[in-house]
PDB file of N, CA and C in Angstrom:
ATOM      1  N   MET A   1     127.862 121.819 109.272  1.00  0.00           N
ATOM      2  CA  MET A   1     126.344 122.412 110.444  1.00  0.00           C
ATOM      3  C   MET A   1     125.746 123.337 110.431  1.00  0.00           C
ATOM      4  N   LEU A   2     126.666 124.546 109.993  1.00  0.00           N
ATOM      5  CA  LEU A   2     126.229 125.717 109.694  1.00  0.00           C
ATOM      6  C   LEU A   2     125.403 126.093 108.573  1.00  0.00           C
ATOM      7  N   MET A   3     125.758 125.378 107.218  1.00  0.00           N
ATOM      8  CA  MET A   3     125.132 125.574 106.290  1.00  0.00           C
ATOM      9  C   MET A   3     123.504 125.196 106.457  1.00  0.00           C
ATOM     10  N   GLN A   4     123.789 123.898 106.806  1.00  0.00           N
ATOM     11  CA  GLN A   4     122.273 123.336 107.181  1.00  0.00           C
ATOM     12  C   GLN A   4     121.423 123.881 107.818  1.00  0.00           C
ATOM     13  N   SER A   5     122.016 124.461 108.780  1.00  0.00           N
ATOM     14  CA  SER A   5     121.240 125.505 109.582  1.00  0.00           C
ATOM     15  C   SER A   5     120.436 126.689 108.825  1.00  0.00           C
ATOM     16  N   LEU A   6     121.761 127.318 108.176  1.00  0.00           N
ATOM     17  CA  LEU A   6     121.230 128.237 107.370  1.00  0.00           C
ATOM     18  C   LEU A   6     120.130 127.859 105.674  1.00  0.00           C
ATOM     19  N   CYS A   7     120.558 126.740 105.747  1.00  0.00           N
ATOM     20  CA  CYS A   7     119.270 126.276 104.354  1.00  0.00           C
ATOM     21  C   CYS A   7     118.135 126.039 105.238  1.00  0.00           C
ATOM     22  N   HIS A   8     117.658 125.759 106.293  1.00  0.00           N
ATOM     23  CA  HIS A   8     116.766 125.417 106.902  1.00  0.00           C
ATOM     24  C   HIS A   8     115.755 126.539 107.718  1.00  0.00           C
ATOM     25  N   ALA A   9     117.025 127.730 107.674  1.00  0.00           N
ATOM     26  CA  ALA A   9     116.386 129.003 108.270  1.00  0.00           C
ATOM     27  C   ALA A   9     115.807 129.714 106.887  1.00  0.00           C
ATOM     28  N   ARG A  10     116.324 129.615 105.756  1.00  0.00           N
ATOM     29  CA  ARG A  10     115.695 130.153 104.515  1.00  0.00           C
ATOM     30  C   ARG A  10     114.742 129.271 104.452  1.00  0.00           C
ATOM     31  N   THR A  11     114.622 127.852 103.972  1.00  0.00           N
ATOM     32  CA  THR A  11     113.263 127.465 103.748  1.00  0.00           C
ATOM     33  C   THR A  11     112.147 128.227 104.739  1.00  0.00           C
ATOM     34  N   ALA A  12     112.446 128.222 105.895  1.00  0.00           N
ATOM     35  CA  ALA A  12     111.529 128.173 106.836  1.00  0.00           C
ATOM     36  C   ALA A  12     110.951 130.179 106.823  1.00  0.00           C
ATOM     37  N   LEU A  13     111.652 130.418 106.149  1.00  0.00           N
ATOM     38  CA  LEU A  13     111.476 131.817 105.980  1.00  0.00           C
ATOM     39  C   LEU A  13     110.402 132.046 104.432  1.00  0.00           C
ATOM     40  N   ALA A  14     111.084 131.267 103.825  1.00  0.00           N
ATOM     41  CA  ALA A  14     110.436 131.064 102.654  1.00  0.00           C
ATOM     42  C   ALA A  14     108.792 130.460 103.011  1.00  0.00           C
ATOM     43  N   LEU A  15     108.896 129.781 103.849  1.00  0.00           N
ATOM     44  CA  LEU A  15     107.469 129.133 104.042  1.00  0.00           C
ATOM     45  C   LEU A  15     107.077 130.400 104.607  1.00  0.00           C
ATOM     46  N   LEU A  16     107.372 130.660 105.500  1.00  0.00           N
ATOM     47  CA  LEU A  16     106.475 131.735 106.596  1.00  0.00           C
ATOM     48  C   LEU A  16     105.921 132.530 105.193  1.00  0.00           C
ATOM     49  N   GLY A  17     106.876 133.391 104.408  1.00  0.00           N
ATOM     50  CA  GLY A  17     106.425 134.265 103.182  1.00  0.00           C
ATOM     51  C   GLY A  17     105.666 133.749 102.207  1.00  0.00           C
ATOM     52  N   ALA A  18     105.448 132.418 101.688  1.00  0.00           N
ATOM     53  CA  ALA A  18     104.314 131.622 101.155  1.00  0.00           C
ATOM     54  C   ALA A  18     103.111 132.212 102.083  1.00  0.00           C
ATOM     55  N   ILE A  19     103.258 131.237 103.373  1.00  0.00           N
ATOM     56  CA  ILE A  19     101.818 131.277 103.985  1.00  0.00           C
ATOM     57  C   ILE A  19     101.241 132.595 104.187  1.00  0.00           C
ATOM     58  N   THR A  20     102.039 133.925 104.243  1.00  0.00           N
ATOM     59  CA  THR A  20     101.516 135.189 104.345  1.00  0.00           C
ATOM     60  C   THR A  20     101.350 136.067 103.224  1.00  0.00           C
ATOM     61  N   LEU A  21     101.464 135.438 101.910  1.00  0.00           N
ATOM     62  CA  LEU A  21     100.945 135.927 100.493  1.00  0.00           C
ATOM     63  C   LEU A  21      99.606 135.252 100.557  1.00  0.00           C
ATOM     64  N   TYR A  22      99.607 133.873 100.860  1.00  0.00           N
ATOM     65  CA  TYR A  22      98.049 133.206 101.117  1.00  0.00           C
ATOM     66  C   TYR A  22      97.242 133.949 101.627  1.00  0.00           C
ATOM     67  N   ALA A  23      97.572 134.441 102.834  1.00  0.00           N
ATOM     68  CA  ALA A  23      96.664 134.158 103.559  1.00  0.00           C
ATOM     69  C   ALA A  23      96.444 135.942 103.730  1.00  0.00           C
ATOM     70  N   PHE A  24      96.820 136.875 103.130  1.00  0.00           N
ATOM     71  CA  PHE A  24      96.559 138.009 102.721  1.00  0.00           C
ATOM     72  C   PHE A  24      96.128 138.560 101.497  1.00  0.00           C
ATOM     73  N   SER A  25      96.061 137.425 100.374  1.00  0.00           N
ATOM     74  CA  SER A  25      95.802 137.775  99.304  1.00  0.00           C
ATOM     75  C   SER A  25      94.559 138.287  98.949  1.00  0.00           C
ATOM     76  N   PRO A  26      94.129 138.517  98.092  1.00  0.00           N
ATOM     77  CA  PRO A  26      93.032 139.645  97.930  1.00  0.00           C
ATOM     78  C   PRO A  26      91.524 138.872  97.930  1.00  0.00           C
ATOM     79  N   LEU A  27      90.835 139.247  98.534  1.00  0.00           N
ATOM     80  CA  LEU A  27      89.456 138.565  98.635  1.00  0.00           C
ATOM     81  C   LEU A  27      88.574 138.309  97.154  1.00  0.00           C
ATOM     82  N   ALA A  28      89.066 139.315  96.248  1.00  0.00           N
ATOM     83  CA  ALA A  28      88.524 138.783  94.653  1.00  0.00           C
ATOM     84  C   ALA A  28      88.938 137.928  94.311  1.00  0.00           C
ATOM     85  N   ILE A  29      88.394 136.817  94.966  1.00  0.00           N
ATOM     86  CA  ILE A  29      88.656 135.244  94.509  1.00  0.00           C
ATOM     87  C   ILE A  29      87.563 134.859  93.964  1.00  0.00           C
ATOM     88  N   GLY A  30      87.601 134.152  92.538  1.00  0.00           N
ATOM     89  CA  GLY A  30      86.775 133.666  91.680  1.00  0.00           C
ATOM     90  C   GLY A  30      85.724 132.650  92.347  1.00  0.00           C
ATOM     91  N   GLU A  31      84.221 132.420  92.285  1.00  0.00           N
ATOM     92  CA  GLU A  31      83.572 131.786  92.758  1.00  0.00           C
ATOM     93  C   GLU A  31      84.011 130.382  92.473  1.00  0.00           C
ATOM     94  N   GLU A  32      84.524 129.491  91.677  1.00  0.00           N
ATOM     95  CA  GLU A  32      85.507 128.371  91.396  1.00  0.00           C
ATOM     96  C   GLU A  32      86.219 127.563  92.815  1.00  0.00           C
ATOM     97  N   GLN A  33      87.101 128.906  92.753  1.00  0.00           N
ATOM     98  CA  GLN A  33      88.086 128.516  93.177  1.00  0.00           C
ATOM     99  C   GLN A  33      87.461 128.719  95.165  1.00  0.00           C
ATOM    100  N   THR A  34      86.504 129.730  95.595  1.00  0.00           N
ATOM    101  CA  THR A  34      85.719 129.514  96.997  1.00  0.00           C
ATOM    102  C   THR A  34      85.170 128.278  97.349  1.00  0.00           C
ATOM    103  N   LYS A  35      84.097 127.787  96.167  1.00  0.00           N
ATOM    104  CA  LYS A  35      83.608 126.297  96.266  1.00  0.00           C
ATOM    105  C   LYS A  35      84.146 125.251  96.371  1.00  0.00           C
ATOM    106  N   HIS A  36      85.737 125.069  96.122  1.00  0.00           N
ATOM    107  CA  HIS A  36      86.841 124.704  96.358  1.00  0.00           C
ATOM    108  C   HIS A  36      87.899 124.760  97.585  1.00  0.00           C
ATOM    109  N   ASP A  37      87.307 125.478  98.224  1.00  0.00           N
ATOM    110  CA  ASP A  37      88.081 126.118  99.793  1.00  0.00           C
ATOM    111  C   ASP A  37      87.782 125.456 100.829  1.00  0.00           C
ATOM    112  N   TYR A  38      89.024 124.489 101.010  1.00  0.00           N
ATOM    113  CA  TYR A  38      89.102 123.185 102.402  1.00  0.00           C
ATOM    114  C   TYR A  38      89.046 124.461 103.562  1.00  0.00           C
ATOM    115  N   PRO A  39      88.470 124.142 104.803  1.00  0.00           N
ATOM    116  CA  PRO A  39      89.253 124.683 105.961  1.00  0.00           C
ATOM    117  C   PRO A  39      90.620 124.379 106.105  1.00  0.00           C
ATOM    118  N   THR A  40      91.421 125.349 106.886  1.00  0.00           N
ATOM    119  CA  THR A  40      92.590 124.555 107.114  1.00  0.00           C
ATOM    120  C   THR A  40      92.714 123.257 107.446  1.00  0.00           C
ATOM    121  N   LEU A  41      91.743 123.388 108.874  1.00  0.00           N
ATOM    122  CA  LEU A  41      92.171 122.224 109.519  1.00  0.00           C
ATOM    123  C   LEU A  41      92.264 120.882 108.852  1.00  0.00           C
ATOM    124  N   ALA A  42      90.927 120.804 108.149  1.00  0.00           N
ATOM    125  CA  ALA A  42      91.132 119.716 106.964  1.00  0.00           C
ATOM    126  C   ALA A  42      91.839 119.283 106.317  1.00  0.00           C
ATOM    127  N   ARG A  43      92.676 120.250 105.637  1.00  0.00           N
ATOM    128  CA  ARG A  43      93.570 120.389 104.662  1.00  0.00           C
ATOM    129  C   ARG A  43      95.131 119.475 105.759  1.00  0.00           C
ATOM    130  N   VAL A  44      95.254 120.128 107.001  1.00  0.00           N
ATOM    131  CA  VAL A  44      96.081 119.557 107.825  1.00  0.00           C
ATOM    132  C   VAL A  44      96.033 118.708 108.362  1.00  0.00           C
ATOM    133  N   GLU A  45      94.665 117.984 108.499  1.00  0.00           N
ATOM    134  CA  GLU A  45      94.302 116.482 109.122  1.00  0.00           C
ATOM    135  C   GLU A  45      95.070 115.849 107.948  1.00  0.00           C
ATOM    136  N   TYR A  46      94.309 116.051 106.559  1.00  0.00           N
ATOM    137  CA  TYR A  46      95.101 114.910 105.441  1.00  0.00           C
ATOM    138  C   TYR A  46      96.124 114.706 105.103  1.00  0.00           C
ATOM    139  N   VAL A  47      96.791 115.661 105.486  1.00  0.00           N
ATOM    140  CA  VAL A  47      98.411 115.977 104.967  1.00  0.00           C
ATOM    141  C   VAL A  47      99.279 115.287 106.254  1.00  0.00           C
ATOM    142  N   GLN A  48      98.436 115.348 107.496  1.00  0.00           N
ATOM    143  CA  GLN A  48      99.404 114.650 108.666  1.00  0.00           C
ATOM    144  C   GLN A  48      98.892 112.898 108.266  1.00  0.00           C
ATOM    145  N   GLU A  49      97.845 112.763 107.913  1.00  0.00           N
ATOM    146  CA  GLU A  49      97.369 111.160 107.621  1.00  0.00           C
ATOM    147  C   GLU A  49      98.451 110.485 106.560  1.00  0.00           C
ATOM    148  N   CYS A  50      98.427 111.672 105.272  1.00  0.00           N
ATOM    149  CA  CYS A  50      99.321 111.227 104.313  1.00  0.00           C
ATOM    150  C   CYS A  50     100.681 111.192 104.568  1.00  0.00           C
ATOM    151  N   LEU A  51     100.962 111.782 105.317  1.00  0.00           N
ATOM    152  CA  LEU A  51     102.642 111.895 105.510  1.00  0.00           C
ATOM    153  C   LEU A  51     102.966 110.582 106.767  1.00  0.00           C
ATOM    154  N   THR A  52     102.034 110.141 107.410  1.00  0.00           N
ATOM    155  CA  THR A  52     102.123 108.695 108.473  1.00  0.00           C
ATOM    156  C   THR A  52     102.270 107.476 107.371  1.00  0.00           C
ATOM    157  N   LYS A  53     101.397 107.744 106.021  1.00  0.00           N
ATOM    158  CA  LYS A  53     101.289 106.675 105.534  1.00  0.00           C
ATOM    159  C   LYS A  53     102.930 106.266 104.923  1.00  0.00           C
ATOM    160  N   SER A  54     103.279 107.616 104.310  1.00  0.00           N
ATOM    161  CA  SER A  54     104.917 107.803 103.497  1.00  0.00           C
ATOM    162  C   SER A  54     106.000 107.707 104.500  1.00  0.00           C
ATOM    163  N   ASP A  55     106.997 108.051 104.542  1.00  0.00           N
ATOM    164  CA  ASP A  55     108.252 108.364 105.131  1.00  0.00           C
ATOM    165  C   ASP A  55     108.068 109.212 105.824  1.00  0.00           C
ATOM    166  N   GLY A  56     107.240 110.473 105.739  1.00  0.00           N
ATOM    167  CA  GLY A  56     107.518 111.847 106.738  1.00  0.00           C
ATOM    168  C   GLY A  56     108.420 112.285 106.290  1.00  0.00           C
ATOM    169  N   LYS A  57     109.149 112.498 105.460  1.00  0.00           N
ATOM    170  CA  LYS A  57     110.087 113.490 105.064  1.00  0.00           C
ATOM    171  C   LYS A  57     109.864 114.616 104.709  1.00  0.00           C
ATOM    172  N   LEU A  58     110.818 115.787 104.748  1.00  0.00           N
ATOM    173  CA  LEU A  58     110.031 117.229 104.187  1.00  0.00           C
ATOM    174  C   LEU A  58     109.637 117.207 102.555  1.00  0.00           C
ATOM    175  N   ALA A  59     110.113 116.776 101.755  1.00  0.00           N
ATOM    176  CA  ALA A  59     109.552 116.139 100.573  1.00  0.00           C
ATOM    177  C   ALA A  59     108.183 115.780 100.114  1.00  0.00           C
ATOM    178  N   SER A  60     107.702 114.795 101.094  1.00  0.00           N
ATOM    179  CA  SER A  60     106.817 113.876 101.596  1.00  0.00           C
ATOM    180  C   SER A  60     105.504 114.968 101.536  1.00  0.00           C
ATOM    181  N   LEU A  61     105.783 115.982 102.947  1.00  0.00           N
ATOM    182  CA  LEU A  61     105.402 116.943 103.045  1.00  0.00           C
ATOM    183  C   LEU A  61     104.500 118.079 101.997  1.00  0.00           C
ATOM    184  N   TYR A  62     105.571 118.125 100.937  1.00  0.00           N
ATOM    185  CA  TYR A  62     105.171 119.138  99.686  1.00  0.00           C
ATOM    186  C   TYR A  62     104.233 117.965  99.320  1.00  0.00           C
ATOM    187  N   GLN A  63     104.697 116.854  99.104  1.00  0.00           N
ATOM    188  CA  GLN A  63     103.767 116.032  98.103  1.00  0.00           C
ATOM    189  C   GLN A  63     102.045 115.960  98.483  1.00  0.00           C
ATOM    190  N   CYS A  64     102.352 115.618  99.588  1.00  0.00           N
ATOM    191  CA  CYS A  64     101.036 115.665 100.298  1.00  0.00           C
ATOM    192  C   CYS A  64      99.967 116.725 100.073  1.00  0.00           C
ATOM    193  N   SER A  65     100.405 118.136 100.538  1.00  0.00           N
ATOM    194  CA  SER A  65      99.981 119.212 100.654  1.00  0.00           C
ATOM    195  C   SER A  65      99.372 119.236  98.328  1.00  0.00           C
ATOM    196  N   CYS A  66     100.299 118.763  97.827  1.00  0.00           N
ATOM    197  CA  CYS A  66      99.742 118.836  96.450  1.00  0.00           C
ATOM    198  C   CYS A  66      98.743 118.134  96.468  1.00  0.00           C
ATOM    199  N   VAL A  67      98.762 116.669  96.591  1.00  0.00           N
ATOM    200  CA  VAL A  67      97.567 115.786  97.127  1.00  0.00           C
ATOM    201  C   VAL A  67      96.456 116.447  97.262  1.00  0.00           C
ATOM    202  N   ILE A  68      96.424 117.024  98.417  1.00  0.00           N
ATOM    203  CA  ILE A  68      95.047 117.405  99.120  1.00  0.00           C
ATOM    204  C   ILE A  68      94.684 118.933  97.917  1.00  0.00           C
ATOM    205  N   ASP A  69      95.357 119.727  97.424  1.00  0.00           N
ATOM    206  CA  ASP A  69      95.035 120.470  96.583  1.00  0.00           C
ATOM    207  C   ASP A  69      94.562 120.081  94.929  1.00  0.00           C
ATOM    208  N   GLU A  70      95.005 119.191  94.694  1.00  0.00           N
ATOM    209  CA  GLU A  70      94.793 118.105  93.218  1.00  0.00           C
ATOM    210  C   GLU A  70      93.195 117.865  93.380  1.00  0.00           C
ATOM    211  N   ILE A  71      93.021 117.274  94.900  1.00  0.00           N
ATOM    212  CA  ILE A  71      91.692 117.027  95.363  1.00  0.00           C
ATOM    213  C   ILE A  71      90.513 117.813  95.649  1.00  0.00           C
ATOM    214  N   ALA A  72      91.313 119.042  95.795  1.00  0.00           N
ATOM    215  CA  ALA A  72      90.114 119.947  96.038  1.00  0.00           C
ATOM    216  C   ALA A  72      90.012 120.681  94.636  1.00  0.00           C
ATOM    217  N   LYS A  73      90.719 120.631  93.653  1.00  0.00           N
ATOM    218  CA  LYS A  73      90.291 121.162  92.522  1.00  0.00           C
ATOM    219  C   LYS A  73      88.795 120.234  91.705  1.00  0.00           C
ATOM    220  N   ARG A  74      88.930 119.111  92.577  1.00  0.00           N
ATOM    221  CA  ARG A  74      87.773 118.531  91.702  1.00  0.00           C
ATOM    222  C   ARG A  74      86.869 118.216  92.394  1.00  0.00           C
ATOM    223  N   LEU A  75      86.789 118.417  94.177  1.00  0.00           N
ATOM    224  CA  LEU A  75      85.774 118.417  94.874  1.00  0.00           C
ATOM    225  C   LEU A  75      85.370 118.965  95.699  1.00  0.00           C
ATOM    226  N   SER A  76      83.801 119.515  95.679  1.00  0.00           N
ATOM    227  CA  SER A  76      83.650 120.621  96.549  1.00  0.00           C
ATOM    228  C   SER A  76      84.022 120.059  98.420  1.00  0.00           C
ATOM    229  N   TYR A  77      84.305 120.773  99.513  1.00  0.00           N
ATOM    230  CA  TYR A  77      84.147 120.108 100.276  1.00  0.00           C
ATOM    231  C   TYR A  77      83.148 119.129 100.857  1.00  0.00           C
ATOM    232  N   ASP A  78      81.942 119.529 100.750  1.00  0.00           N
ATOM    233  CA  ASP A  78      80.974 118.606 101.389  1.00  0.00           C
ATOM    234  C   ASP A  78      81.342 117.479 100.385  1.00  0.00           C
ATOM    235  N   GLU A  79      81.577 117.316  99.283  1.00  0.00           N
ATOM    236  CA  GLU A  79      81.819 115.941  98.520  1.00  0.00           C
ATOM    237  C   GLU A  79      83.341 115.405  98.768  1.00  0.00           C
ATOM    238  N   PHE A  80      84.440 116.296  99.331  1.00  0.00           N
ATOM    239  CA  PHE A  80      85.186 115.583  99.945  1.00  0.00           C
ATOM    240  C   PHE A  80      84.996 114.848 101.152  1.00  0.00           C
ATOM    241  N   VAL A  81      84.473 115.658 102.148  1.00  0.00           N
ATOM    242  CA  VAL A  81      84.138 114.719 103.610  1.00  0.00           C
ATOM    243  C   VAL A  81      83.375 113.537 103.140  1.00  0.00           C
ATOM    244  N   GLU A  82      82.556 113.894 102.345  1.00  0.00           N
ATOM    245  CA  GLU A  82      81.724 112.323 102.209  1.00  0.00           C
ATOM    246  C   GLU A  82      82.157 111.146 101.682  1.00  0.00           C
ATOM    247  N   ALA A  83      82.792 111.484 100.494  1.00  0.00           N
ATOM    248  CA  ALA A  83      83.625 110.910  99.573  1.00  0.00           C
ATOM    249  C   ALA A  83      84.794 110.081 100.470  1.00  0.00           C
ATOM    250  N   SER A  84      85.516 110.641 101.311  1.00  0.00           N
ATOM    251  CA  SER A  84      86.903 109.964 101.837  1.00  0.00           C
ATOM    252  C   SER A  84      86.087 109.576 103.051  1.00  0.00           C
ATOM    253  N   THR A  85      84.766 109.545 103.494  1.00  0.00           N
ATOM    254  CA  THR A  85      84.445 108.947 104.870  1.00  0.00           C
ATOM    255  C   THR A  85      83.818 107.556 104.267  1.00  0.00           C
ATOM    256  N   PHE A  86      83.126 107.563 103.288  1.00  0.00           N
ATOM    257  CA  PHE A  86      82.711 106.619 102.937  1.00  0.00           C
ATOM    258  C   PHE A  86      84.342 105.625 102.357  1.00  0.00           C
ATOM    259  N   SER A  87      85.036 106.283 101.894  1.00  0.00           N
ATOM    260  CA  SER A  87      86.339 105.288 101.446  1.00  0.00           C
ATOM    261  C   SER A  87      86.810 104.696 102.949  1.00  0.00           C
ATOM    262  N   ARG A  88      86.866 105.653 103.527  1.00  0.00           N
ATOM    263  CA  ARG A  88      87.862 105.246 105.085  1.00  0.00           C
ATOM    264  C   ARG A  88      86.992 104.048 105.911  1.00  0.00           C
ATOM    265  N   TYR A  89      85.574 104.354 105.645  1.00  0.00           N
ATOM    266  CA  TYR A  89      84.887 103.085 106.797  1.00  0.00           C
ATOM    267  C   TYR A  89      84.332 102.484 106.039  1.00  0.00           C
ATOM    268  N   ALA A  90      84.750 102.281 104.666  1.00  0.00           N
ATOM    269  CA  ALA A  90      84.059 100.928 103.970  1.00  0.00           C
ATOM    270  C   ALA A  90      84.338  99.778 104.207  1.00  0.00           C
ATOM    271  N   SER A  91      86.017  99.682 104.721  1.00  0.00           N
ATOM    272  CA  SER A  91      86.588  98.083 105.097  1.00  0.00           C
ATOM    273  C   SER A  91      86.265  98.059 106.757  1.00  0.00           C
ATOM    274  N   LEU A  92      84.956  98.670 107.621  1.00  0.00           N
ATOM    275  CA  LEU A  92      84.896  98.361 108.812  1.00  0.00           C
ATOM    276  C   LEU A  92      83.891  97.156 108.837  1.00  0.00           C
ATOM    277  N   ALA A  93      84.545  96.065 109.548  1.00  0.00           N
ATOM    278  CA  ALA A  93      83.453  94.964 109.909  1.00  0.00           C
ATOM    279  C   ALA A  93      82.520  95.246 110.855  1.00  0.00           C
ATOM    280  N   GLY A  94      81.251  94.543 110.556  1.00  0.00           N
ATOM    281  CA  GLY A  94      80.120  94.278 111.141  1.00  0.00           C
ATOM    282  C   GLY A  94      78.956  95.346 111.049  1.00  0.00           C
ATOM    283  N   GLU A  95      78.079  95.281 111.843  1.00  0.00           N
ATOM    284  CA  GLU A  95      77.111  96.211 111.003  1.00  0.00           C
ATOM    285  C   GLU A  95      77.366  97.883 111.029  1.00  0.00           C
ATOM    286  N   ARG A  96      77.905  98.408 111.789  1.00  0.00           N
ATOM    287  CA  ARG A  96      78.424  99.431 111.551  1.00  0.00           C
ATOM    288  C   ARG A  96      79.391  99.829 110.466  1.00  0.00           C
ATOM    289  N   GLY A  97      79.987  98.935 110.374  1.00  0.00           N
ATOM    290  CA  GLY A  97      80.512  99.334 108.732  1.00  0.00           C
ATOM    291  C   GLY A  97      79.535  98.892 107.467  1.00  0.00           C
ATOM    292  N   GLY A  98      78.380  98.499 107.782  1.00  0.00           N
ATOM    293  CA  GLY A  98      77.138  98.870 106.827  1.00  0.00           C
ATOM    294  C   GLY A  98      76.832  99.239 105.893  1.00  0.00           C
ATOM    295  N   LEU A  99      76.638 100.425 107.085  1.00  0.00           N
ATOM    296  CA  LEU A  99      75.841 101.564 106.596  1.00  0.00           C
ATOM    297  C   LEU A  99      77.054 102.200 105.410  1.00  0.00           C
ATOM    298  N   PHE A 100      78.067 102.451 105.846  1.00  0.00           N
ATOM    299  CA  PHE A 100      79.374 103.016 104.356  1.00  0.00           C
ATOM    300  C   PHE A 100      79.918 101.832 103.066  1.00  0.00           C
ATOM    301  N   ARG A 101      79.343 100.656 103.707  1.00  0.00           N
ATOM    302  CA  ARG A 101      79.703  99.472 102.588  1.00  0.00           C
ATOM    303  C   ARG A 101      78.768  99.141 101.518  1.00  0.00           C
ATOM    304  N   ASP A 102      77.380  99.385 102.552  1.00  0.00           N
ATOM    305  CA  ASP A 102      76.334  98.397 101.500  1.00  0.00           C
ATOM    306  C   ASP A 102      75.938  99.408 100.208  1.00  0.00           C
ATOM    307  N   PRO A 103      75.477 100.621 100.357  1.00  0.00           N
ATOM    308  CA  PRO A 103      74.535 101.541  99.826  1.00  0.00           C
ATOM    309  C   PRO A 103      75.257 101.592  98.687  1.00  0.00           C
ATOM    310  N   GLU A 104      74.916 101.350  97.821  1.00  0.00           N
ATOM    311  CA  GLU A 104      75.555 101.632  96.335  1.00  0.00           C
ATOM    312  C   GLU A 104      76.375 103.050  95.802  1.00  0.00           C
ATOM    313  N   HIS A 105      75.327 104.124  96.171  1.00  0.00           N
ATOM    314  CA  HIS A 105      76.038 105.205  96.016  1.00  0.00           C
ATOM    315  C   HIS A 105      77.526 105.797  96.449  1.00  0.00           C
ATOM    316  N   GLY A 106      77.443 105.013  98.138  1.00  0.00           N
ATOM    317  CA  GLY A 106      78.517 105.117  98.855  1.00  0.00           C
ATOM    318  C   GLY A 106      79.576 103.911  98.296  1.00  0.00           C
ATOM    319  N   LYS A 107      79.282 102.914  97.997  1.00  0.00           N
ATOM    320  CA  LYS A 107      80.578 102.389  97.072  1.00  0.00           C
ATOM    321  C   LYS A 107      81.103 102.895  96.071  1.00  0.00           C
ATOM    322  N   LYS A 108      80.117 103.223  95.422  1.00  0.00           N
ATOM    323  CA  LYS A 108      80.598 104.229  94.177  1.00  0.00           C
ATOM    324  C   LYS A 108      81.819 105.415  94.204  1.00  0.00           C
ATOM    325  N   MET A 109      81.315 106.181  95.420  1.00  0.00           N
ATOM    326  CA  MET A 109      81.854 107.337  95.810  1.00  0.00           C
ATOM    327  C   MET A 109      83.230 106.854  96.394  1.00  0.00           C
ATOM    328  N   ALA A 110      83.308 105.797  97.133  1.00  0.00           N
ATOM    329  CA  ALA A 110      84.419 105.200  98.061  1.00  0.00           C
ATOM    330  C   ALA A 110      85.165 104.773  96.577  1.00  0.00           C
ATOM    331  N   LYS A 111      84.790 104.271  95.848  1.00  0.00           N
ATOM    332  CA  LYS A 111      85.572 103.632  94.554  1.00  0.00           C
ATOM    333  C   LYS A 111      86.224 104.801  93.622  1.00  0.00           C
ATOM    334  N   ASP A 112      84.955 105.981  93.323  1.00  0.00           N
ATOM    335  CA  ASP A 112      85.698 107.193  92.957  1.00  0.00           C
ATOM    336  C   ASP A 112      86.741 108.099  93.426  1.00  0.00           C
ATOM    337  N   PHE A 113      86.671 108.002  95.002  1.00  0.00           N
ATOM    338  CA  PHE A 113      87.529 108.929  95.725  1.00  0.00           C
ATOM    339  C   PHE A 113      88.875 108.361  95.826  1.00  0.00           C
ATOM    340  N   LYS A 114      88.701 106.917  95.756  1.00  0.00           N
ATOM    341  CA  LYS A 114      90.383 106.469  95.705  1.00  0.00           C
ATOM    342  C   LYS A 114      90.716 106.671  94.520  1.00  0.00           C
ATOM    343  N   ALA A 115      89.995 106.278  92.942  1.00  0.00           N
ATOM    344  CA  ALA A 115      90.716 106.710  92.026  1.00  0.00           C
ATOM    345  C   ALA A 115      91.111 108.459  91.608  1.00  0.00           C
ATOM    346  N   LEU A 116      90.093 109.185  92.252  1.00  0.00           N
ATOM    347  CA  LEU A 116      90.800 110.790  92.099  1.00  0.00           C
ATOM    348  C   LEU A 116      92.223 110.790  92.906  1.00  0.00           C
ATOM    349  N   GLU A 117      92.179 110.138  94.420  1.00  0.00           N
ATOM    350  CA  GLU A 117      93.185 110.231  95.699  1.00  0.00           C
ATOM    351  C   GLU A 117      94.314 109.668  94.629  1.00  0.00           C
ATOM    352  N   GLY A 118      94.320 108.682  93.698  1.00  0.00           N
ATOM    353  CA  GLY A 118      95.433 107.834  93.479  1.00  0.00           C
ATOM    354  C   GLY A 118      95.981 108.218  91.977  1.00  0.00           C
ATOM    355  N   GLU A 119      95.025 109.198  91.545  1.00  0.00           N
ATOM    356  CA  GLU A 119      95.805 109.721  90.337  1.00  0.00           C
ATOM    357  C   GLU A 119      96.513 111.384  90.563  1.00  0.00           C
ATOM    358  N   ALA A 120      95.959 111.826  91.597  1.00  0.00           N
ATOM    359  CA  ALA A 120      96.547 112.895  92.659  1.00  0.00           C
ATOM    360  C   ALA A 120      97.676 112.389  93.022  1.00  0.00           C
ATOM    361  N   SER A 121      97.865 111.339  93.760  1.00  0.00           N
ATOM    362  CA  SER A 121      98.739 110.925  94.194  1.00  0.00           C
ATOM    363  C   SER A 121     100.319 110.892  93.431  1.00  0.00           C
ATOM    364  N   LYS A 122      99.749 110.200  92.213  1.00  0.00           N
ATOM    365  CA  LYS A 122     100.592 110.097  91.174  1.00  0.00           C
ATOM    366  C   LYS A 122     100.958 110.802  90.454  1.00  0.00           C
ATOM    367  N   HIS A 123     100.455 112.640  90.285  1.00  0.00           N
ATOM    368  CA  HIS A 123     100.978 113.084  89.814  1.00  0.00           C
ATOM    369  C   HIS A 123     101.396 114.261  90.462  1.00  0.00           C
ATOM    370  N   CYS A 124     101.737 114.120  91.798  1.00  0.00           N
ATOM    371  CA  CYS A 124     102.656 114.663  92.791  1.00  0.00           C
ATOM    372  C   CYS A 124     103.562 114.184  93.241  1.00  0.00           C
ATOM    373  N   GLY A 125     103.403 112.607  92.736  1.00  0.00           N
ATOM    374  CA  GLY A 125     104.960 111.930  92.898  1.00  0.00           C
ATOM    375  C   GLY A 125     104.844 110.998  94.387  1.00  0.00           C
ATOM    376  N   ILE A 126     103.719 110.428  94.727  1.00  0.00           N
ATOM    377  CA  ILE A 126     103.801 109.839  96.068  1.00  0.00           C
ATOM    378  C   ILE A 126     103.518 108.474  95.142  1.00  0.00           C
ATOM    379  N   SER A 127     103.954 107.348  95.461  1.00  0.00           N
ATOM    380  CA  SER A 127     103.442 106.085  94.988  1.00  0.00           C
ATOM    381  C   SER A 127     103.252 105.938  96.257  1.00  0.00           C
ATOM    382  N   GLN A 128     102.041 104.457  95.846  1.00  0.00           N
ATOM    383  CA  GLN A 128     101.367 103.867  96.886  1.00  0.00           C
ATOM    384  C   GLN A 128     101.497 102.419  96.714  1.00  0.00           C
TER     385      GLN A 128
END
């Protein structure tokens, strides 16, 4: 039990260190990286949703974080919001769902987003 608590303490310190390094990194970030910089809240929401779909273990936390990082490499935040919205609500029944289901560009965005999410999940070791 003592070893387990020591391990968790080390993990917490390592995570805190990583977050600190990330938060206080130099602001000389390339334009490509800032183009795909998502708000923290959006990343957290995505990871939480991913965790509920998976087993919720610590390993899944890292894998789900990896998935959103992979998506962020390919889509700007605005593209992510639009594509994930079409993807999520395309299965809504009735007239409201038609707003997401019927437009051709919405169908394509939803399909492309699902494919990108699948590739990222595979890359990060999450089985769907």
